[in-house]
Amino acid sequence: MVDSSEIKNTLSDGFDADFCTGTLKNSKFLNTGNDCIDFSGSKISILHCTIQGSGDKGISGGERSTLVVKDCSVENASIAIASKDMSEVRVENTTIEHCSFGFAAYRKKAEFGPAKIYVKSVHISDVKSTYLIELNSTVTINGITKVGKERFDIDSMYSAFSKQKEL
């Protein structure tokens, strides 16, 4: 368990852990160069955390991760909450503000399949688009499911981000 930590002003990911289980709570992530919180192949609860100023994703789960995000806030991120590569992210009582995308569900790596996000309650403001959903991935908010209809060019999506970082 990680409790009451503060991570700020990083050049890359703020907190990145792979193939782990546990809880991340009562923590703050400020001004990270890439993702604020990034898990792969993990089962994690993220509780009462504040995320401000992410260079890419506020919270990201990949490679069959299962994340529970509860009572958190994400502000000023490209993507507030992402689920990738057969991951499942459950969101409850969370606030998303000043982001390009609220939720993104997609397949990044060919060896994996679509991703899922389930949202029980969320407050969203000043977000350019609520969803970014790739083919067969889903985002369900308050019982209404949106299914991605098109395959993304993930390489160009990430290369645009890499070019932006180089500037």
Protein backbone atom coordinates (compact mmCIF):
# COMPACT_ATOMS: atom_id res chain seq x y z
CA MET A 1 0.00 0.00 0.00
CA VAL A 2 1.13 3.50 -0.83
CA ASP A 3 -0.56 6.10 1.38
CA SER A 4 -0.27 9.89 1.62
CA SER A 5 2.52 10.38 -0.92
CA GLU A 6 3.23 13.35 -3.18
CA ILE A 7 4.94 13.00 -6.54
CA LYS A 8 5.59 16.14 -8.56
CA ASN A 9 7.59 17.68 -11.39
CA THR A 10 8.75 14.43 -13.00
CA LEU A 11 10.14 14.23 -16.53
CA SER A 12 8.28 10.99 -17.32
CA ASP A 13 5.66 8.88 -15.47
CA GLY A 14 4.94 9.90 -11.90
CA PHE A 15 4.14 6.42 -10.57
CA ASP A 16 4.66 3.39 -12.82
CA ALA A 17 4.29 -0.18 -11.56
CA ASP A 18 3.92 -3.47 -13.42
CA PHE A 19 2.46 -6.82 -12.36
CA CYS A 20 1.53 -5.83 -8.83
CA THR A 21 -1.45 -5.75 -6.49
CA GLY A 22 -2.33 -3.21 -3.86
CA THR A 23 -3.78 0.15 -2.99
CA LEU A 24 -2.68 3.68 -3.80
CA LYS A 25 -4.51 6.22 -1.65
CA ASN A 26 -4.58 9.76 -0.27
CA SER A 27 -1.81 10.79 -2.66
CA LYS A 28 -1.10 13.74 -4.97
CA PHE A 29 0.47 13.70 -8.43
CA LEU A 30 1.45 17.09 -9.81
CA ASN A 31 3.03 18.09 -13.13
CA THR A 32 4.30 14.83 -14.57
CA GLY A 33 5.95 14.74 -17.98
CA ASN A 34 4.01 11.66 -19.06
CA ASP A 35 1.40 9.57 -17.19
CA CYS A 36 0.70 10.46 -13.57
CA ILE A 37 -0.29 6.91 -12.56
CA ASP A 38 0.48 3.95 -14.86
CA PHE A 39 -0.07 0.24 -14.19
CA SER A 40 0.39 -2.83 -16.40
CA GLY A 41 -0.74 -6.36 -15.57
CA SER A 42 -1.86 -5.20 -12.12
CA LYS A 43 -4.84 -5.26 -9.74
CA ILE A 44 -4.95 -1.90 -8.00
CA SER A 45 -7.34 0.31 -6.04
CA ILE A 46 -6.71 4.05 -6.44
CA LEU A 47 -8.56 5.89 -3.67
CA HIS A 48 -8.80 9.58 -2.73
CA CYS A 49 -6.00 10.69 -5.07
CA THR A 50 -5.50 14.08 -6.73
CA ILE A 51 -3.94 14.34 -10.19
CA GLN A 52 -3.04 17.72 -11.68
CA GLY A 53 -0.99 18.46 -14.77
CA SER A 54 -0.28 15.21 -16.60
CA GLY A 55 1.72 15.31 -19.83
CA ASP A 56 -0.35 12.37 -21.15
CA LYS A 57 -2.74 10.23 -19.09
CA GLY A 58 -3.87 10.93 -15.53
CA ILE A 59 -4.56 7.26 -14.74
CA SER A 60 -3.65 4.43 -17.10
CA GLY A 61 -4.21 0.68 -16.86
CA GLY A 62 -2.75 -1.66 -19.46
CA GLU A 63 -2.01 -5.31 -20.23
CA ARG A 64 -4.97 -6.94 -18.47
CA SER A 65 -4.94 -4.62 -15.46
CA THR A 66 -7.94 -4.26 -13.20
CA LEU A 67 -8.15 -0.81 -11.63
CA VAL A 68 -10.71 0.61 -9.22
CA VAL A 69 -10.65 4.43 -9.16
CA LYS A 70 -12.73 5.91 -6.35
CA ASP A 71 -13.09 9.43 -4.94
CA CYS A 72 -10.33 10.87 -7.15
CA SER A 73 -9.87 14.03 -9.21
CA VAL A 74 -8.02 14.41 -12.51
CA GLU A 75 -7.25 17.89 -13.84
CA ASN A 76 -5.24 19.12 -16.84
CA ALA A 77 -4.41 15.83 -18.58
CA SER A 78 -4.53 14.86 -22.22
CA ILE A 79 -6.54 11.76 -21.26
CA ALA A 80 -7.99 11.66 -17.73
CA ILE A 81 -8.48 7.88 -17.43
CA ALA A 82 -7.35 5.22 -19.92
CA SER A 83 -7.88 1.49 -20.18
CA LYS A 84 -5.70 -0.37 -22.68
CA ASP A 85 -5.07 -3.90 -23.85
CA MET A 86 -7.83 -5.98 -22.21
CA SER A 87 -7.78 -3.93 -19.02
CA GLU A 88 -10.85 -3.11 -16.99
CA VAL A 89 -11.12 0.19 -15.13
CA ARG A 90 -13.99 0.90 -12.72
CA VAL A 91 -14.57 4.54 -11.78
CA GLU A 92 -16.75 5.88 -8.97
CA ASN A 93 -17.30 9.35 -7.52
CA THR A 94 -14.52 10.97 -9.54
CA THR A 95 -14.08 14.48 -10.97
CA ILE A 96 -12.49 15.19 -14.36
CA GLU A 97 -11.72 18.78 -15.37
CA HIS A 98 -9.74 20.61 -18.07
CA CYS A 99 -8.76 17.50 -20.07
CA SER A 100 -8.77 16.73 -23.79
CA PHE A 101 -10.51 13.38 -23.22
CA GLY A 102 -12.34 12.11 -20.16
CA PHE A 103 -12.03 8.39 -20.92
CA ALA A 104 -10.05 6.39 -23.47
CA ALA A 105 -10.43 2.66 -24.08
CA TYR A 106 -8.30 1.01 -26.76
CA ARG A 107 -5.92 -1.72 -27.84
CA LYS A 108 -2.34 -0.50 -28.03
CA LYS A 109 -0.50 -3.82 -28.47
CA ALA A 110 -1.45 -6.38 -31.12
CA GLU A 111 -1.24 -9.35 -28.72
CA PHE A 112 -4.09 -7.95 -26.60
CA GLY A 113 -7.75 -7.21 -27.23
CA PRO A 114 -10.18 -4.39 -26.48
CA ALA A 115 -10.42 -2.56 -23.16
CA LYS A 116 -13.32 -1.63 -20.86
CA ILE A 117 -14.20 1.26 -18.58
CA TYR A 118 -17.20 1.24 -16.22
CA VAL A 119 -18.22 4.53 -14.60
CA LYS A 120 -20.72 4.66 -11.75
CA SER A 121 -20.57 8.37 -10.99
CA VAL A 122 -18.44 11.15 -12.45
CA HIS A 123 -18.43 14.93 -12.65
CA ILE A 124 -16.94 16.18 -15.94
CA SER A 125 -16.29 19.81 -16.86
CA ASP A 126 -14.24 21.58 -19.53
CA VAL A 127 -13.40 18.38 -21.41
CA LYS A 128 -13.06 18.52 -25.21
CA SER A 129 -14.51 15.02 -25.64
CA THR A 130 -15.88 12.60 -23.07
CA TYR A 131 -14.83 9.46 -24.99
CA LEU A 132 -12.05 8.13 -27.12
CA ILE A 133 -13.01 4.53 -27.87
CA GLU A 134 -11.29 2.19 -30.30
CA LEU A 135 -12.91 -0.70 -32.18
CA ASN A 136 -14.74 -3.12 -29.81
CA SER A 137 -13.54 -1.37 -26.66
CA THR A 138 -16.29 -0.01 -24.40
CA VAL A 139 -17.01 2.82 -21.99
CA THR A 140 -20.12 2.46 -19.82
CA ILE A 141 -21.33 5.49 -17.87
CA ASN A 142 -24.37 5.08 -15.60
CA GLY A 143 -25.51 1.99 -17.49
CA ILE A 144 -25.15 3.45 -21.00
CA THR A 145 -22.48 1.68 -23.05
CA LYS A 146 -20.58 3.23 -25.94
CA VAL A 147 -18.73 0.78 -28.22
CA GLY A 148 -15.82 1.82 -30.44
CA LYS A 149 -16.57 1.45 -34.13
CA GLU A 150 -13.18 2.18 -35.72
CA ARG A 151 -9.62 0.95 -35.33
CA PHE A 152 -7.17 3.66 -34.25
CA ASP A 153 -3.75 4.28 -35.70
CA ILE A 154 -2.14 3.95 -32.27
CA ASP A 155 1.41 4.47 -33.60
CA SER A 156 0.53 7.89 -34.99
CA MET A 157 -1.39 8.74 -31.81
CA TYR A 158 1.70 8.09 -29.71
CA SER A 159 4.18 9.54 -32.20
CA ALA A 160 2.31 12.85 -32.09
CA PHE A 161 2.77 12.79 -28.34
CA SER A 162 6.49 11.98 -28.69
CA LYS A 163 7.01 14.86 -31.13
CA GLN A 164 5.24 17.20 -28.75
CA LYS A 165 7.57 16.10 -25.93
CA GLU A 166 10.64 16.84 -28.06
CA LEU A 167 9.64 20.50 -28.58
